[in-house]
Amino acid sequence: MPEACTISLKMQLEDAHEIWEADREAEQEGVYLPETVMKKYPNAGKQWGWMWVFPSRRLSKDPVTGIVRRHHIHENNLQKTIKKATQAAEIPKPVKCHTLRHTPPPQLLGAIAFSQEPGMEIGEVFLSAGISS
């Protein structure tokens, strides 16, 4: 993995760890895990190793159990970011998350490697590599 990608991933993990620490201090429930895992390891969902790499900024009610907990970011957030970046880059063609399925991995890695500007949105990362549908 290119060093620039490693740096970005470490930064994301640091952000996720801060959220995890805040959840632990607030005594929030841990992340959702399958029932079989929770039976065998009841506190696993509260352990750092099980925390989402891309956690949601907000807590939400689990629709199955009714427990308020943190989930991962929703795919709609990614799509909104890609749409915003596409508009900012004035790309006339529609760009969807599905476009990423048809993007060669080296092009994606290159996009991430050259996106070290603070605050750069993920959609801007993809657009910086010329990824469109």
C-alpha atoms as a PDB file:
ATOM      1  CA  MET A   1       0.000   0.000   0.000  1.00  0.00           C
ATOM      2  CA  PRO A   2       1.418   3.429  -0.898  1.00  0.00           C
ATOM      3  CA  GLU A   3       2.617   5.447   2.081  1.00  0.00           C
ATOM      4  CA  ALA A   4       0.125   8.239   1.309  1.00  0.00           C
ATOM      5  CA  CYS A   5      -2.715   5.709   1.584  1.00  0.00           C
ATOM      6  CA  THR A   6      -1.321   4.442   4.871  1.00  0.00           C
ATOM      7  CA  ILE A   7      -1.219   7.996   6.231  1.00  0.00           C
ATOM      8  CA  SER A   8      -4.855   8.616   5.219  1.00  0.00           C
ATOM      9  CA  LEU A   9      -5.983   5.331   6.775  1.00  0.00           C
ATOM     10  CA  LYS A  10      -4.125   6.092  10.019  1.00  0.00           C
ATOM     11  CA  MET A  11      -5.789   9.513  10.174  1.00  0.00           C
ATOM     12  CA  GLN A  12      -9.215   7.932   9.651  1.00  0.00           C
ATOM     13  CA  LEU A  13      -8.513   5.357  12.364  1.00  0.00           C
ATOM     14  CA  GLU A  14      -7.473   8.139  14.755  1.00  0.00           C
ATOM     15  CA  ASP A  15     -10.787   9.912  14.112  1.00  0.00           C
ATOM     16  CA  ALA A  16     -12.707   6.668  14.624  1.00  0.00           C
ATOM     17  CA  HIS A  17     -10.777   5.997  17.831  1.00  0.00           C
ATOM     18  CA  GLU A  18     -11.755   9.399  19.227  1.00  0.00           C
ATOM     19  CA  ILE A  19     -15.410   8.604  18.545  1.00  0.00           C
ATOM     20  CA  TRP A  20     -14.973   5.178  20.146  1.00  0.00           C
ATOM     21  CA  GLU A  21     -13.375   6.741  23.251  1.00  0.00           C
ATOM     22  CA  ALA A  22     -16.219   9.259  23.548  1.00  0.00           C
ATOM     23  CA  ASP A  23     -18.737   6.408  23.278  1.00  0.00           C
ATOM     24  CA  ARG A  24     -16.951   4.490  26.019  1.00  0.00           C
ATOM     25  CA  GLU A  25     -16.887   7.554  28.299  1.00  0.00           C
ATOM     26  CA  ALA A  26     -20.609   8.097  27.663  1.00  0.00           C
ATOM     27  CA  GLU A  27     -21.238   4.385  28.320  1.00  0.00           C
ATOM     28  CA  GLN A  28     -22.906   3.934  24.932  1.00  0.00           C
ATOM     29  CA  GLU A  29     -23.682   0.461  23.668  1.00  0.00           C
ATOM     30  CA  GLY A  30     -21.086  -1.038  21.373  1.00  0.00           C
ATOM     31  CA  VAL A  31     -21.396  -1.665  17.668  1.00  0.00           C
ATOM     32  CA  TYR A  32     -23.849  -4.250  16.373  1.00  0.00           C
ATOM     33  CA  LEU A  33     -22.447  -7.758  16.062  1.00  0.00           C
ATOM     34  CA  PRO A  34     -24.174 -10.979  15.047  1.00  0.00           C
ATOM     35  CA  GLU A  35     -26.029 -12.682  17.894  1.00  0.00           C
ATOM     36  CA  THR A  36     -23.701 -15.692  17.881  1.00  0.00           C
ATOM     37  CA  VAL A  37     -20.661 -13.443  18.420  1.00  0.00           C
ATOM     38  CA  MET A  38     -22.412 -11.496  21.188  1.00  0.00           C
ATOM     39  CA  LYS A  39     -23.342 -14.716  23.004  1.00  0.00           C
ATOM     40  CA  LYS A  40     -19.760 -15.957  22.927  1.00  0.00           C
ATOM     41  CA  TYR A  41     -18.145 -12.541  23.568  1.00  0.00           C
ATOM     42  CA  PRO A  42     -20.724 -10.298  25.311  1.00  0.00           C
ATOM     43  CA  ASN A  43     -18.473  -7.206  25.454  1.00  0.00           C
ATOM     44  CA  ALA A  44     -16.948  -7.544  21.984  1.00  0.00           C
ATOM     45  CA  GLY A  45     -19.086  -4.732  20.528  1.00  0.00           C
ATOM     46  CA  LYS A  46     -17.495  -2.294  22.966  1.00  0.00           C
ATOM     47  CA  GLN A  47     -13.930  -3.241  22.088  1.00  0.00           C
ATOM     48  CA  TRP A  48     -11.858  -0.999  19.811  1.00  0.00           C
ATOM     49  CA  GLY A  49     -11.090  -3.856  17.423  1.00  0.00           C
ATOM     50  CA  TRP A  50     -14.763  -4.141  16.479  1.00  0.00           C
ATOM     51  CA  MET A  51     -15.362  -0.412  15.947  1.00  0.00           C
ATOM     52  CA  TRP A  52     -16.258   0.733  12.437  1.00  0.00           C
ATOM     53  CA  VAL A  53     -13.434   2.274  10.405  1.00  0.00           C
ATOM     54  CA  PHE A  54     -15.984   4.792   9.077  1.00  0.00           C
ATOM     55  CA  PRO A  55     -18.377   5.314  11.994  1.00  0.00           C
ATOM     56  CA  SER A  56     -21.442   7.485  11.728  1.00  0.00           C
ATOM     57  CA  ARG A  57     -21.119  10.831  13.511  1.00  0.00           C
ATOM     58  CA  ARG A  58     -24.529  10.251  15.117  1.00  0.00           C
ATOM     59  CA  LEU A  59     -26.014   7.539  17.250  1.00  0.00           C
ATOM     60  CA  SER A  60     -29.149   5.836  16.008  1.00  0.00           C
ATOM     61  CA  LYS A  61     -31.729   3.371  17.220  1.00  0.00           C
ATOM     62  CA  ASP A  62     -31.105  -0.192  16.090  1.00  0.00           C
ATOM     63  CA  PRO A  63     -34.275  -1.183  14.208  1.00  0.00           C
ATOM     64  CA  VAL A  64     -34.092  -4.808  15.384  1.00  0.00           C
ATOM     65  CA  THR A  65     -33.224  -4.442  19.074  1.00  0.00           C
ATOM     66  CA  GLY A  66     -34.254  -0.851  19.794  1.00  0.00           C
ATOM     67  CA  ILE A  67     -30.806  -0.225  21.319  1.00  0.00           C
ATOM     68  CA  VAL A  68     -29.264   3.183  20.638  1.00  0.00           C
ATOM     69  CA  ARG A  69     -25.795   2.612  19.224  1.00  0.00           C
ATOM     70  CA  ARG A  70     -23.353   3.841  16.603  1.00  0.00           C
ATOM     71  CA  HIS A  71     -23.495   2.381  13.118  1.00  0.00           C
ATOM     72  CA  HIS A  72     -21.213   2.902  10.101  1.00  0.00           C
ATOM     73  CA  ILE A  73     -21.723   5.841   7.750  1.00  0.00           C
ATOM     74  CA  HIS A  74     -24.660   5.387   5.415  1.00  0.00           C
ATOM     75  CA  GLU A  75     -24.091   4.895   1.699  1.00  0.00           C
ATOM     76  CA  ASN A  76     -26.306   7.923   0.977  1.00  0.00           C
ATOM     77  CA  ASN A  77     -23.698  10.153   2.635  1.00  0.00           C
ATOM     78  CA  LEU A  78     -21.084   8.923   0.194  1.00  0.00           C
ATOM     79  CA  GLN A  79     -23.410   9.470  -2.760  1.00  0.00           C
ATOM     80  CA  LYS A  80     -24.210  13.030  -1.615  1.00  0.00           C
ATOM     81  CA  THR A  81     -20.491  13.794  -1.298  1.00  0.00           C
ATOM     82  CA  ILE A  82     -19.769  12.411  -4.762  1.00  0.00           C
ATOM     83  CA  LYS A  83     -22.644  14.443  -6.232  1.00  0.00           C
ATOM     84  CA  LYS A  84     -21.407  17.630  -4.537  1.00  0.00           C
ATOM     85  CA  ALA A  85     -17.845  17.083  -5.771  1.00  0.00           C
ATOM     86  CA  THR A  86     -19.089  16.280  -9.286  1.00  0.00           C
ATOM     87  CA  GLN A  87     -21.022  19.551  -9.377  1.00  0.00           C
ATOM     88  CA  ALA A  88     -18.060  21.504  -7.967  1.00  0.00           C
ATOM     89  CA  ALA A  89     -15.821  20.023 -10.670  1.00  0.00           C
ATOM     90  CA  GLU A  90     -18.464  20.911 -13.298  1.00  0.00           C
ATOM     91  CA  ILE A  91     -18.590  17.374 -14.675  1.00  0.00           C
ATOM     92  CA  PRO A  92     -21.653  17.218 -16.922  1.00  0.00           C
ATOM     93  CA  LYS A  93     -22.031  13.424 -16.740  1.00  0.00           C
ATOM     94  CA  PRO A  94     -23.763  11.728 -13.813  1.00  0.00           C
ATOM     95  CA  VAL A  95     -21.371  10.062 -11.363  1.00  0.00           C
ATOM     96  CA  LYS A  96     -22.742   7.448  -8.981  1.00  0.00           C
ATOM     97  CA  CYS A  97     -21.207   5.174  -6.352  1.00  0.00           C
ATOM     98  CA  HIS A  98     -21.688   2.344  -8.825  1.00  0.00           C
ATOM     99  CA  THR A  99     -19.100   4.066 -11.044  1.00  0.00           C
ATOM    100  CA  LEU A 100     -16.463   2.983  -8.541  1.00  0.00           C
ATOM    101  CA  ARG A 101     -17.162  -0.665  -9.350  1.00  0.00           C
ATOM    102  CA  HIS A 102     -15.912   0.013 -12.873  1.00  0.00           C
ATOM    103  CA  THR A 103     -12.798   1.915 -11.818  1.00  0.00           C
ATOM    104  CA  PRO A 104      -9.484   0.054 -11.936  1.00  0.00           C
ATOM    105  CA  PRO A 105      -7.937  -0.257  -8.440  1.00  0.00           C
ATOM    106  CA  PRO A 106      -4.651   1.464  -9.421  1.00  0.00           C
ATOM    107  CA  GLN A 107      -6.648   4.539 -10.439  1.00  0.00           C
ATOM    108  CA  LEU A 108      -8.410   4.546  -7.056  1.00  0.00           C
ATOM    109  CA  LEU A 109      -5.143   4.114  -5.177  1.00  0.00           C
ATOM    110  CA  GLY A 110      -3.638   6.969  -7.167  1.00  0.00           C
ATOM    111  CA  ALA A 111      -6.601   9.169  -6.290  1.00  0.00           C
ATOM    112  CA  ILE A 112      -6.171   8.464  -2.598  1.00  0.00           C
ATOM    113  CA  ALA A 113      -2.395   8.847  -2.728  1.00  0.00           C
ATOM    114  CA  PHE A 114      -2.632  12.364  -4.163  1.00  0.00           C
ATOM    115  CA  SER A 115      -5.418  13.586  -1.894  1.00  0.00           C
ATOM    116  CA  GLN A 116      -3.491  14.732   1.128  1.00  0.00           C
ATOM    117  CA  GLU A 117      -5.122  18.140   1.377  1.00  0.00           C
ATOM    118  CA  PRO A 118      -6.775  18.563   4.808  1.00  0.00           C
ATOM    119  CA  GLY A 119     -10.553  18.355   4.653  1.00  0.00           C
ATOM    120  CA  MET A 120     -10.665  16.836   1.182  1.00  0.00           C
ATOM    121  CA  GLU A 121     -13.964  15.015   0.696  1.00  0.00           C
ATOM    122  CA  ILE A 122     -13.983  11.461  -0.636  1.00  0.00           C
ATOM    123  CA  GLY A 123     -15.843  12.589  -3.750  1.00  0.00           C
ATOM    124  CA  GLU A 124     -13.066  15.066  -4.474  1.00  0.00           C
ATOM    125  CA  VAL A 125     -10.565  12.236  -4.087  1.00  0.00           C
ATOM    126  CA  PHE A 126     -12.281  10.277  -6.843  1.00  0.00           C
ATOM    127  CA  LEU A 127     -12.657  13.308  -9.063  1.00  0.00           C
ATOM    128  CA  SER A 128      -8.973  14.177  -8.665  1.00  0.00           C
ATOM    129  CA  ALA A 129      -8.236  10.868 -10.392  1.00  0.00           C
ATOM    130  CA  GLY A 130     -10.611  11.664 -13.241  1.00  0.00           C
ATOM    131  CA  ILE A 131     -13.065   8.975 -12.192  1.00  0.00           C
ATOM    132  CA  SER A 132     -16.475   9.428 -13.750  1.00  0.00           C
ATOM    133  CA  SER A 133     -19.153   7.230 -15.272  1.00  0.00           C
END
